[in-house]
Amino acid sequence: MPVSISRLAVAAETASDATAFESEALLFAQREGEVLEHFGGSLPPFVLIGFKADGTGGVSTLDLPPARYSLEEIQLFRVLRGLVARAVSHQDPCLLGRAATLSARVNQRHLSKLSFDYVIELADHHRALGIQVAHSGSLYGLLLDPASAGLTSVIREISSELSDAGFQDIGIFSVNGAGGIDVR
């Protein structure tokens, strides 16, 4: 059923995300509506601070040409797939954060995000697990370890710094490792 829903969404919108698959960790071809790889479980637990870099209405994904990756980037994606598979099998949010950050760096060469260096510095300063970006939009996310000491305080600090820097639509999401997401 999720495969059919995804293909219908792609037929209607040219691209879609993998929300029909709910809690499954997978690699999804958004323009084809196909699962390329199942990672054999759910994502490890983490807290995500999501936000927008600017107040624009976003990116028209229908107008975006598909990215043309170099051979080096394609090789790196193979490594990233391995990192994500290991993060899922060992429920290791640190590995997931590394993979997300490396993927964000590749994406920056194809669809650059405003204030990317600032977000990297903010993540490093607060010892975030990593950053994630929408590969076809303007959204960012900082991944945090839900087991870290003083998490609530860190979330407040980061949210305040993001707001002061002009980022918008700041939201806090908790992925519990079983695929469930709670919004704070």
N, C-alpha and C. Protein backbone atom coordinates (compact mmCIF):
# COMPACT_ATOMS: atom_id res chain seq x y z
N MET A 1 0.80 -1.20 0.00
CA MET A 1 0.00 0.00 0.00
C MET A 1 0.85 1.27 0.00
N PRO A 2 1.92 1.41 0.86
CA PRO A 2 2.73 2.62 0.83
C PRO A 2 3.38 2.86 -0.54
N VAL A 3 3.76 1.80 -1.24
CA VAL A 3 4.36 1.95 -2.56
C VAL A 3 3.36 2.58 -3.52
N SER A 4 2.12 2.12 -3.50
CA SER A 4 1.08 2.68 -4.37
C SER A 4 0.81 4.14 -4.04
N ILE A 5 0.74 4.46 -2.76
CA ILE A 5 0.51 5.85 -2.34
C ILE A 5 1.65 6.74 -2.82
N SER A 6 2.87 6.28 -2.68
CA SER A 6 4.03 7.06 -3.10
C SER A 6 4.03 7.29 -4.60
N ARG A 7 3.73 6.27 -5.36
CA ARG A 7 3.71 6.43 -6.82
C ARG A 7 2.60 7.38 -7.27
N LEU A 8 1.45 7.32 -6.62
CA LEU A 8 0.37 8.26 -6.93
C LEU A 8 0.79 9.70 -6.60
N ALA A 9 1.46 9.87 -5.46
CA ALA A 9 1.93 11.22 -5.08
C ALA A 9 2.92 11.76 -6.10
N VAL A 10 3.83 10.91 -6.57
CA VAL A 10 4.80 11.34 -7.59
C VAL A 10 4.09 11.67 -8.90
N ALA A 11 3.11 10.87 -9.26
CA ALA A 11 2.37 11.14 -10.50
C ALA A 11 1.65 12.49 -10.42
N ALA A 12 1.18 12.84 -9.24
CA ALA A 12 0.45 14.10 -9.07
C ALA A 12 1.37 15.30 -8.90
N GLU A 13 2.54 15.09 -8.25
CA GLU A 13 3.38 16.22 -7.85
C GLU A 13 4.80 16.20 -8.42
N THR A 14 5.18 15.24 -9.20
CA THR A 14 6.51 15.06 -9.77
C THR A 14 7.52 14.51 -8.76
N ALA A 15 7.33 14.78 -7.47
CA ALA A 15 8.22 14.27 -6.43
C ALA A 15 7.42 14.15 -5.13
N SER A 16 7.87 13.27 -4.25
CA SER A 16 7.21 13.08 -2.97
C SER A 16 8.22 12.55 -1.97
N ASP A 17 7.93 12.73 -0.69
CA ASP A 17 8.79 12.14 0.32
C ASP A 17 8.26 10.76 0.70
N ALA A 18 8.89 10.14 1.67
CA ALA A 18 8.56 8.75 2.03
C ALA A 18 7.61 8.65 3.22
N THR A 19 6.78 9.65 3.45
CA THR A 19 5.92 9.63 4.64
C THR A 19 4.94 8.45 4.66
N ALA A 20 4.61 7.91 3.52
CA ALA A 20 3.69 6.77 3.49
C ALA A 20 4.28 5.54 4.17
N PHE A 21 5.60 5.53 4.34
CA PHE A 21 6.26 4.38 4.95
C PHE A 21 6.40 4.51 6.47
N GLU A 22 5.92 5.62 7.02
CA GLU A 22 5.88 5.89 8.45
C GLU A 22 7.21 5.65 9.15
N SER A 23 7.35 4.57 9.91
CA SER A 23 8.50 4.41 10.79
C SER A 23 9.69 3.68 10.17
N GLU A 24 9.60 3.26 8.95
CA GLU A 24 10.70 2.52 8.33
C GLU A 24 11.84 3.45 7.94
N ALA A 25 13.06 3.06 8.26
CA ALA A 25 14.24 3.79 7.80
C ALA A 25 14.57 3.24 6.42
N LEU A 26 14.53 4.12 5.42
CA LEU A 26 14.79 3.66 4.06
C LEU A 26 15.36 4.77 3.20
N LEU A 27 15.95 4.37 2.10
CA LEU A 27 16.43 5.30 1.08
C LEU A 27 15.36 5.34 0.01
N PHE A 28 14.87 6.53 -0.28
CA PHE A 28 13.70 6.70 -1.12
C PHE A 28 14.01 7.60 -2.30
N ALA A 29 13.67 7.17 -3.50
CA ALA A 29 13.84 7.98 -4.71
C ALA A 29 12.62 8.86 -4.86
N GLN A 30 12.73 10.13 -4.47
CA GLN A 30 11.56 11.00 -4.39
C GLN A 30 10.94 11.33 -5.73
N ARG A 31 11.70 11.28 -6.82
CA ARG A 31 11.13 11.59 -8.13
C ARG A 31 10.53 10.36 -8.80
N GLU A 32 10.88 9.18 -8.31
CA GLU A 32 10.33 7.94 -8.87
C GLU A 32 9.29 7.31 -7.94
N GLY A 33 9.30 7.70 -6.68
CA GLY A 33 8.38 7.12 -5.71
C GLY A 33 8.71 5.69 -5.38
N GLU A 34 10.00 5.37 -5.39
CA GLU A 34 10.44 3.99 -5.17
C GLU A 34 11.41 3.90 -4.00
N VAL A 35 11.31 2.80 -3.28
CA VAL A 35 12.27 2.51 -2.22
C VAL A 35 13.50 1.90 -2.86
N LEU A 36 14.66 2.50 -2.60
CA LEU A 36 15.91 1.98 -3.14
C LEU A 36 16.58 1.01 -2.16
N GLU A 37 16.37 1.26 -0.87
CA GLU A 37 16.98 0.39 0.13
C GLU A 37 16.22 0.50 1.45
N HIS A 38 15.93 -0.66 2.03
CA HIS A 38 15.38 -0.72 3.39
C HIS A 38 16.57 -0.91 4.33
N PHE A 39 16.61 -0.13 5.40
CA PHE A 39 17.73 -0.25 6.33
C PHE A 39 17.44 -1.21 7.48
N GLY A 40 16.31 -1.89 7.44
CA GLY A 40 16.05 -2.99 8.38
C GLY A 40 15.60 -2.58 9.76
N GLY A 41 14.98 -1.46 9.90
CA GLY A 41 14.46 -1.04 11.21
C GLY A 41 14.08 0.42 11.18
N SER A 42 13.97 0.98 12.37
CA SER A 42 13.64 2.40 12.49
C SER A 42 14.90 3.21 12.78
N LEU A 43 14.78 4.50 12.63
CA LEU A 43 15.90 5.38 12.95
C LEU A 43 16.19 5.31 14.44
N PRO A 44 17.44 5.55 14.84
CA PRO A 44 17.74 5.60 16.28
C PRO A 44 17.08 6.84 16.90
N PRO A 45 16.93 6.87 18.21
CA PRO A 45 16.28 8.03 18.84
C PRO A 45 17.15 9.29 18.73
N PHE A 46 16.49 10.42 18.47
CA PHE A 46 17.17 11.71 18.47
C PHE A 46 16.13 12.80 18.62
N VAL A 47 16.59 13.98 18.95
CA VAL A 47 15.75 15.17 18.99
C VAL A 47 16.19 16.04 17.84
N LEU A 48 15.23 16.59 17.12
CA LEU A 48 15.52 17.44 15.97
C LEU A 48 14.97 18.84 16.23
N ILE A 49 15.82 19.83 16.07
CA ILE A 49 15.36 21.22 16.05
C ILE A 49 15.31 21.60 14.59
N GLY A 50 14.11 21.76 14.07
CA GLY A 50 13.91 22.11 12.67
C GLY A 50 13.65 23.60 12.52
N PHE A 51 14.09 24.18 11.38
CA PHE A 51 13.91 25.61 11.17
C PHE A 51 14.13 25.96 9.71
N LYS A 52 13.68 27.16 9.34
CA LYS A 52 13.87 27.68 7.98
C LYS A 52 14.95 28.75 8.00
N ALA A 53 15.72 28.78 6.93
CA ALA A 53 16.81 29.75 6.82
C ALA A 53 16.30 31.13 6.47
N ASP A 54 15.16 31.22 5.85
CA ASP A 54 14.64 32.53 5.46
C ASP A 54 13.12 32.49 5.41
N GLY A 55 12.52 33.63 5.13
CA GLY A 55 11.08 33.72 5.13
C GLY A 55 10.44 33.49 3.78
N THR A 56 11.19 32.99 2.83
CA THR A 56 10.61 32.75 1.52
C THR A 56 9.64 31.60 1.56
N GLY A 57 8.86 31.47 0.53
CA GLY A 57 7.86 30.41 0.46
C GLY A 57 8.47 29.05 0.18
N GLY A 58 9.77 28.94 0.11
CA GLY A 58 10.40 27.66 -0.13
C GLY A 58 10.96 27.57 -1.54
N VAL A 59 11.19 26.37 -1.96
CA VAL A 59 11.79 26.10 -3.26
C VAL A 59 10.77 25.36 -4.10
N SER A 60 10.60 25.79 -5.34
CA SER A 60 9.70 25.08 -6.25
C SER A 60 10.42 23.85 -6.77
N THR A 61 10.13 22.72 -6.16
CA THR A 61 10.83 21.49 -6.55
C THR A 61 10.50 21.08 -7.98
N LEU A 62 9.34 21.51 -8.47
CA LEU A 62 8.98 21.17 -9.84
C LEU A 62 9.90 21.85 -10.85
N ASP A 63 10.45 23.00 -10.47
CA ASP A 63 11.33 23.75 -11.36
C ASP A 63 12.80 23.37 -11.21
N LEU A 64 13.11 22.56 -10.22
CA LEU A 64 14.51 22.18 -9.98
C LEU A 64 14.92 21.04 -10.90
N PRO A 65 16.04 21.21 -11.61
CA PRO A 65 16.54 20.05 -12.35
C PRO A 65 17.17 19.07 -11.35
N PRO A 66 17.15 17.80 -11.66
CA PRO A 66 17.80 16.84 -10.76
C PRO A 66 19.29 17.16 -10.63
N ALA A 67 19.81 16.98 -9.44
CA ALA A 67 21.24 17.23 -9.20
C ALA A 67 22.07 16.26 -10.04
N ARG A 68 23.19 16.73 -10.51
CA ARG A 68 24.14 15.90 -11.24
C ARG A 68 25.38 15.73 -10.36
N TYR A 69 25.48 14.57 -9.74
CA TYR A 69 26.55 14.32 -8.79
C TYR A 69 27.81 13.83 -9.49
N SER A 70 28.95 14.22 -8.92
CA SER A 70 30.24 13.76 -9.44
C SER A 70 30.46 12.30 -9.03
N LEU A 71 31.43 11.67 -9.65
CA LEU A 71 31.77 10.29 -9.28
C LEU A 71 32.21 10.22 -7.82
N GLU A 72 32.92 11.22 -7.36
CA GLU A 72 33.36 11.27 -5.95
C GLU A 72 32.15 11.34 -5.02
N GLU A 73 31.17 12.16 -5.36
CA GLU A 73 29.97 12.27 -4.54
C GLU A 73 29.17 10.98 -4.55
N ILE A 74 29.09 10.33 -5.67
CA ILE A 74 28.38 9.05 -5.76
C ILE A 74 29.06 8.00 -4.87
N GLN A 75 30.39 7.99 -4.87
CA GLN A 75 31.12 7.08 -3.98
C GLN A 75 30.83 7.41 -2.52
N LEU A 76 30.79 8.71 -2.21
CA LEU A 76 30.51 9.13 -0.84
C LEU A 76 29.10 8.69 -0.43
N PHE A 77 28.14 8.76 -1.34
CA PHE A 77 26.79 8.30 -1.02
C PHE A 77 26.78 6.82 -0.66
N ARG A 78 27.62 6.03 -1.28
CA ARG A 78 27.71 4.60 -0.90
C ARG A 78 28.18 4.46 0.54
N VAL A 79 29.16 5.27 0.91
CA VAL A 79 29.65 5.25 2.29
C VAL A 79 28.54 5.71 3.25
N LEU A 80 27.82 6.75 2.86
CA LEU A 80 26.73 7.26 3.70
C LEU A 80 25.64 6.22 3.89
N ARG A 81 25.34 5.47 2.84
CA ARG A 81 24.34 4.40 2.97
C ARG A 81 24.80 3.38 4.01
N GLY A 82 26.07 3.04 3.98
CA GLY A 82 26.62 2.13 4.98
C GLY A 82 26.54 2.70 6.39
N LEU A 83 26.83 4.00 6.54
CA LEU A 83 26.74 4.64 7.85
C LEU A 83 25.30 4.61 8.38
N VAL A 84 24.35 4.92 7.51
CA VAL A 84 22.95 4.91 7.93
C VAL A 84 22.52 3.48 8.30
N ALA A 85 22.91 2.51 7.51
CA ALA A 85 22.55 1.12 7.82
C ALA A 85 23.11 0.72 9.18
N ARG A 86 24.33 1.11 9.45
CA ARG A 86 24.94 0.79 10.75
C ARG A 86 24.25 1.57 11.88
N ALA A 87 23.91 2.84 11.62
CA ALA A 87 23.21 3.64 12.64
C ALA A 87 21.88 2.99 13.00
N VAL A 88 21.18 2.47 12.00
CA VAL A 88 19.89 1.82 12.25
C VAL A 88 20.09 0.49 12.97
N SER A 89 21.01 -0.32 12.50
CA SER A 89 21.18 -1.65 13.11
C SER A 89 21.70 -1.56 14.54
N HIS A 90 22.51 -0.55 14.84
CA HIS A 90 23.06 -0.39 16.19
C HIS A 90 22.31 0.67 17.00
N GLN A 91 21.26 1.26 16.39
CA GLN A 91 20.48 2.34 17.02
C GLN A 91 21.43 3.42 17.57
N ASP A 92 22.34 3.88 16.70
CA ASP A 92 23.38 4.83 17.06
C ASP A 92 23.09 6.20 16.45
N PRO A 93 22.57 7.13 17.24
CA PRO A 93 22.25 8.45 16.69
C PRO A 93 23.49 9.25 16.28
N CYS A 94 24.66 8.96 16.86
CA CYS A 94 25.89 9.66 16.47
C CYS A 94 26.25 9.36 15.02
N LEU A 95 26.17 8.12 14.62
CA LEU A 95 26.45 7.76 13.22
C LEU A 95 25.44 8.40 12.28
N LEU A 96 24.18 8.43 12.70
CA LEU A 96 23.15 9.05 11.88
C LEU A 96 23.46 10.54 11.69
N GLY A 97 23.89 11.21 12.76
CA GLY A 97 24.24 12.62 12.68
C GLY A 97 25.41 12.87 11.75
N ARG A 98 26.40 12.00 11.79
CA ARG A 98 27.55 12.13 10.86
C ARG A 98 27.12 12.00 9.41
N ALA A 99 26.30 10.98 9.16
CA ALA A 99 25.82 10.76 7.79
C ALA A 99 25.00 11.96 7.30
N ALA A 100 24.13 12.48 8.16
CA ALA A 100 23.29 13.63 7.78
C ALA A 100 24.15 14.85 7.45
N THR A 101 25.18 15.09 8.26
CA THR A 101 26.05 16.26 8.04
C THR A 101 26.83 16.12 6.74
N LEU A 102 27.37 14.95 6.48
CA LEU A 102 28.10 14.74 5.22
C LEU A 102 27.18 14.92 4.03
N SER A 103 25.97 14.41 4.13
CA SER A 103 24.99 14.57 3.06
C SER A 103 24.64 16.05 2.87
N ALA A 104 24.50 16.79 3.97
CA ALA A 104 24.20 18.23 3.89
C ALA A 104 25.34 18.97 3.19
N ARG A 105 26.57 18.58 3.46
CA ARG A 105 27.72 19.23 2.82
C ARG A 105 27.72 18.98 1.31
N VAL A 106 27.38 17.77 0.89
CA VAL A 106 27.27 17.49 -0.54
C VAL A 106 26.16 18.34 -1.14
N ASN A 107 25.02 18.39 -0.48
CA ASN A 107 23.89 19.15 -0.99
C ASN A 107 24.22 20.64 -1.12
N GLN A 108 25.06 21.15 -0.25
CA GLN A 108 25.41 22.57 -0.29
C GLN A 108 26.05 22.95 -1.63
N ARG A 109 26.70 22.00 -2.27
CA ARG A 109 27.32 22.27 -3.58
C ARG A 109 26.28 22.30 -4.71
N HIS A 110 25.09 21.77 -4.45
CA HIS A 110 24.06 21.67 -5.50
C HIS A 110 22.87 22.60 -5.28
N LEU A 111 22.45 22.75 -4.03
CA LEU A 111 21.34 23.65 -3.70
C LEU A 111 21.72 24.32 -2.37
N SER A 112 22.53 25.36 -2.48
CA SER A 112 23.10 25.96 -1.28
C SER A 112 22.01 26.58 -0.40
N LYS A 113 22.24 26.46 0.89
CA LYS A 113 21.36 27.02 1.91
C LYS A 113 22.00 28.27 2.48
N LEU A 114 21.17 29.27 2.74
CA LEU A 114 21.65 30.48 3.40
C LEU A 114 22.18 30.13 4.78
N SER A 115 23.24 30.78 5.19
CA SER A 115 23.80 30.66 6.55
C SER A 115 24.27 29.25 6.89
N PHE A 116 24.68 28.49 5.90
CA PHE A 116 25.11 27.11 6.14
C PHE A 116 26.27 27.05 7.13
N ASP A 117 27.28 27.90 6.94
CA ASP A 117 28.44 27.88 7.84
C ASP A 117 28.04 28.22 9.27
N TYR A 118 27.09 29.17 9.42
CA TYR A 118 26.61 29.52 10.76
C TYR A 118 25.96 28.30 11.43
N VAL A 119 25.15 27.57 10.69
CA VAL A 119 24.47 26.41 11.26
C VAL A 119 25.49 25.33 11.65
N ILE A 120 26.50 25.12 10.82
CA ILE A 120 27.57 24.16 11.16
C ILE A 120 28.26 24.58 12.46
N GLU A 121 28.61 25.87 12.58
CA GLU A 121 29.26 26.38 13.79
C GLU A 121 28.36 26.23 15.01
N LEU A 122 27.07 26.52 14.85
CA LEU A 122 26.12 26.38 15.95
C LEU A 122 26.05 24.92 16.41
N ALA A 123 25.99 24.01 15.46
CA ALA A 123 25.94 22.58 15.78
C ALA A 123 27.21 22.16 16.52
N ASP A 124 28.36 22.61 16.04
CA ASP A 124 29.62 22.26 16.70
C ASP A 124 29.67 22.84 18.12
N HIS A 125 29.26 24.09 18.25
CA HIS A 125 29.30 24.76 19.56
C HIS A 125 28.44 24.03 20.60
N HIS A 126 27.31 23.54 20.18
CA HIS A 126 26.38 22.88 21.11
C HIS A 126 26.52 21.35 21.09
N ARG A 127 27.55 20.88 20.43
CA ARG A 127 27.83 19.43 20.37
C ARG A 127 26.63 18.63 19.85
N ALA A 128 26.02 19.17 18.81
CA ALA A 128 24.92 18.44 18.16
C ALA A 128 25.48 17.19 17.50
N LEU A 129 24.63 16.22 17.29
CA LEU A 129 25.04 15.00 16.58
C LEU A 129 25.34 15.31 15.13
N GLY A 130 24.65 16.30 14.57
CA GLY A 130 24.86 16.67 13.18
C GLY A 130 23.77 17.61 12.71
N ILE A 131 23.83 17.93 11.42
CA ILE A 131 22.79 18.76 10.83
C ILE A 131 22.19 18.01 9.66
N GLN A 132 20.97 18.36 9.32
CA GLN A 132 20.33 17.82 8.13
C GLN A 132 19.72 18.98 7.38
N VAL A 133 19.61 18.81 6.08
CA VAL A 133 18.98 19.83 5.25
C VAL A 133 18.00 19.16 4.30
N ALA A 134 17.02 19.93 3.88
CA ALA A 134 16.12 19.45 2.84
C ALA A 134 16.89 19.56 1.53
N HIS A 135 17.01 18.47 0.81
CA HIS A 135 17.76 18.47 -0.43
C HIS A 135 17.01 19.14 -1.57
N SER A 136 15.76 19.48 -1.33
CA SER A 136 14.99 20.18 -2.36
C SER A 136 14.17 21.32 -1.75
N GLY A 137 14.66 21.89 -0.67
CA GLY A 137 13.92 22.96 -0.02
C GLY A 137 14.82 23.83 0.82
N SER A 138 14.22 24.57 1.75
CA SER A 138 14.98 25.54 2.53
C SER A 138 15.06 25.18 4.02
N LEU A 139 14.71 23.96 4.37
CA LEU A 139 14.69 23.56 5.77
C LEU A 139 16.03 23.02 6.25
N TYR A 140 16.29 23.29 7.53
CA TYR A 140 17.45 22.77 8.26
C TYR A 140 16.94 21.97 9.45
N GLY A 141 17.84 21.18 10.00
CA GLY A 141 17.58 20.54 11.28
C GLY A 141 18.88 20.27 12.00
N LEU A 142 18.86 20.42 13.32
CA LEU A 142 19.99 20.03 14.16
C LEU A 142 19.57 18.76 14.90
N LEU A 143 20.38 17.73 14.83
CA LEU A 143 20.10 16.48 15.52
C LEU A 143 20.80 16.49 16.86
N LEU A 144 20.06 16.21 17.92
CA LEU A 144 20.60 16.18 19.27
C LEU A 144 20.38 14.82 19.91
N ASP A 145 21.29 14.47 20.82
CA ASP A 145 21.19 13.21 21.54
C ASP A 145 20.15 13.36 22.64
N PRO A 146 19.08 12.55 22.61
CA PRO A 146 18.03 12.68 23.64
C PRO A 146 18.52 12.28 25.03
N ALA A 147 19.66 11.59 25.12
CA ALA A 147 20.18 11.15 26.41
C ALA A 147 21.21 12.12 26.99
N SER A 148 21.49 13.22 26.28
CA SER A 148 22.52 14.14 26.76
C SER A 148 22.03 14.93 27.97
N ALA A 149 22.97 15.22 28.86
CA ALA A 149 22.65 15.98 30.07
C ALA A 149 22.27 17.41 29.69
N GLY A 150 21.27 17.94 30.37
CA GLY A 150 20.87 19.32 30.15
C GLY A 150 20.23 19.58 28.81
N LEU A 151 19.59 18.58 28.23
CA LEU A 151 19.02 18.69 26.89
C LEU A 151 18.01 19.84 26.79
N THR A 152 17.15 19.98 27.76
CA THR A 152 16.13 21.03 27.71
C THR A 152 16.78 22.41 27.64
N SER A 153 17.81 22.60 28.42
CA SER A 153 18.53 23.88 28.42
C SER A 153 19.21 24.13 27.07
N VAL A 154 19.82 23.10 26.52
CA VAL A 154 20.49 23.22 25.21
C VAL A 154 19.47 23.56 24.13
N ILE A 155 18.32 22.91 24.16
CA ILE A 155 17.26 23.20 23.18
C ILE A 155 16.84 24.66 23.27
N ARG A 156 16.67 25.16 24.49
CA ARG A 156 16.28 26.57 24.67
C ARG A 156 17.35 27.51 24.12
N GLU A 157 18.61 27.21 24.44
CA GLU A 157 19.73 28.04 23.97
C GLU A 157 19.79 28.08 22.44
N ILE A 158 19.74 26.91 21.84
CA ILE A 158 19.81 26.83 20.39
C ILE A 158 18.63 27.55 19.76
N SER A 159 17.45 27.32 20.26
CA SER A 159 16.25 27.97 19.71
C SER A 159 16.36 29.49 19.81
N SER A 160 16.85 29.97 20.93
CA SER A 160 17.03 31.41 21.11
C SER A 160 18.06 31.97 20.14
N GLU A 161 19.18 31.28 19.99
CA GLU A 161 20.23 31.73 19.07
C GLU A 161 19.73 31.72 17.63
N LEU A 162 18.97 30.71 17.26
CA LEU A 162 18.41 30.65 15.91
C LEU A 162 17.45 31.81 15.67
N SER A 163 16.58 32.05 16.64
CA SER A 163 15.62 33.15 16.51
C SER A 163 16.34 34.49 16.40
N ASP A 164 17.34 34.71 17.26
CA ASP A 164 18.11 35.96 17.23
C ASP A 164 18.84 36.15 15.91
N ALA A 165 19.21 35.04 15.26
CA ALA A 165 19.93 35.11 13.98
C ALA A 165 18.97 35.25 12.79
N GLY A 166 17.67 35.25 13.06
CA GLY A 166 16.69 35.47 11.99
C GLY A 166 16.10 34.22 11.38
N PHE A 167 16.41 33.04 11.92
CA PHE A 167 15.80 31.82 11.42
C PHE A 167 14.34 31.78 11.87
N GLN A 168 13.51 31.08 11.10
CA GLN A 168 12.07 31.09 11.35
C GLN A 168 11.50 29.68 11.47
N ASP A 169 10.26 29.63 11.93
CA ASP A 169 9.52 28.36 12.03
C ASP A 169 10.31 27.29 12.78
N ILE A 170 10.82 27.66 13.93
CA ILE A 170 11.63 26.75 14.75
C ILE A 170 10.69 25.78 15.46
N GLY A 171 10.96 24.49 15.28
CA GLY A 171 10.13 23.45 15.90
C GLY A 171 11.01 22.36 16.49
N ILE A 172 10.52 21.72 17.52
CA ILE A 172 11.27 20.65 18.20
C ILE A 172 10.51 19.35 18.00
N PHE A 173 11.23 18.34 17.54
CA PHE A 173 10.64 17.03 17.26
C PHE A 173 11.50 15.96 17.93
N SER A 174 10.86 14.96 18.46
CA SER A 174 11.57 13.87 19.11
C SER A 174 11.25 12.57 18.39
N VAL A 175 12.27 11.93 17.85
CA VAL A 175 12.11 10.62 17.22
C VAL A 175 12.51 9.59 18.27
N ASN A 176 11.59 8.70 18.61
CA ASN A 176 11.82 7.82 19.75
C ASN A 176 12.50 6.51 19.41
N GLY A 177 12.93 6.31 18.18
CA GLY A 177 13.62 5.09 17.83
C GLY A 177 12.69 4.00 17.33
N ALA A 178 11.42 4.09 17.64
CA ALA A 178 10.46 3.12 17.13
C ALA A 178 9.68 3.74 15.99
N GLY A 179 10.20 4.87 15.51
CA GLY A 179 9.56 5.54 14.40
C GLY A 179 8.59 6.62 14.82
N GLY A 180 8.25 6.64 16.09
CA GLY A 180 7.30 7.65 16.56
C GLY A 180 7.94 9.02 16.66
N ILE A 181 7.16 10.03 16.35
CA ILE A 181 7.65 11.41 16.45
C ILE A 181 6.71 12.18 17.36
N ASP A 182 7.29 12.84 18.35
CA ASP A 182 6.53 13.71 19.23
C ASP A 182 6.95 15.14 18.94
N VAL A 183 6.01 16.04 18.88
CA VAL A 183 6.31 17.45 18.67
C VAL A 183 6.24 18.14 20.01
N ARG A 184 7.28 18.89 20.33
CA ARG A 184 7.31 19.60 21.62
C ARG A 184 6.84 21.01 21.42
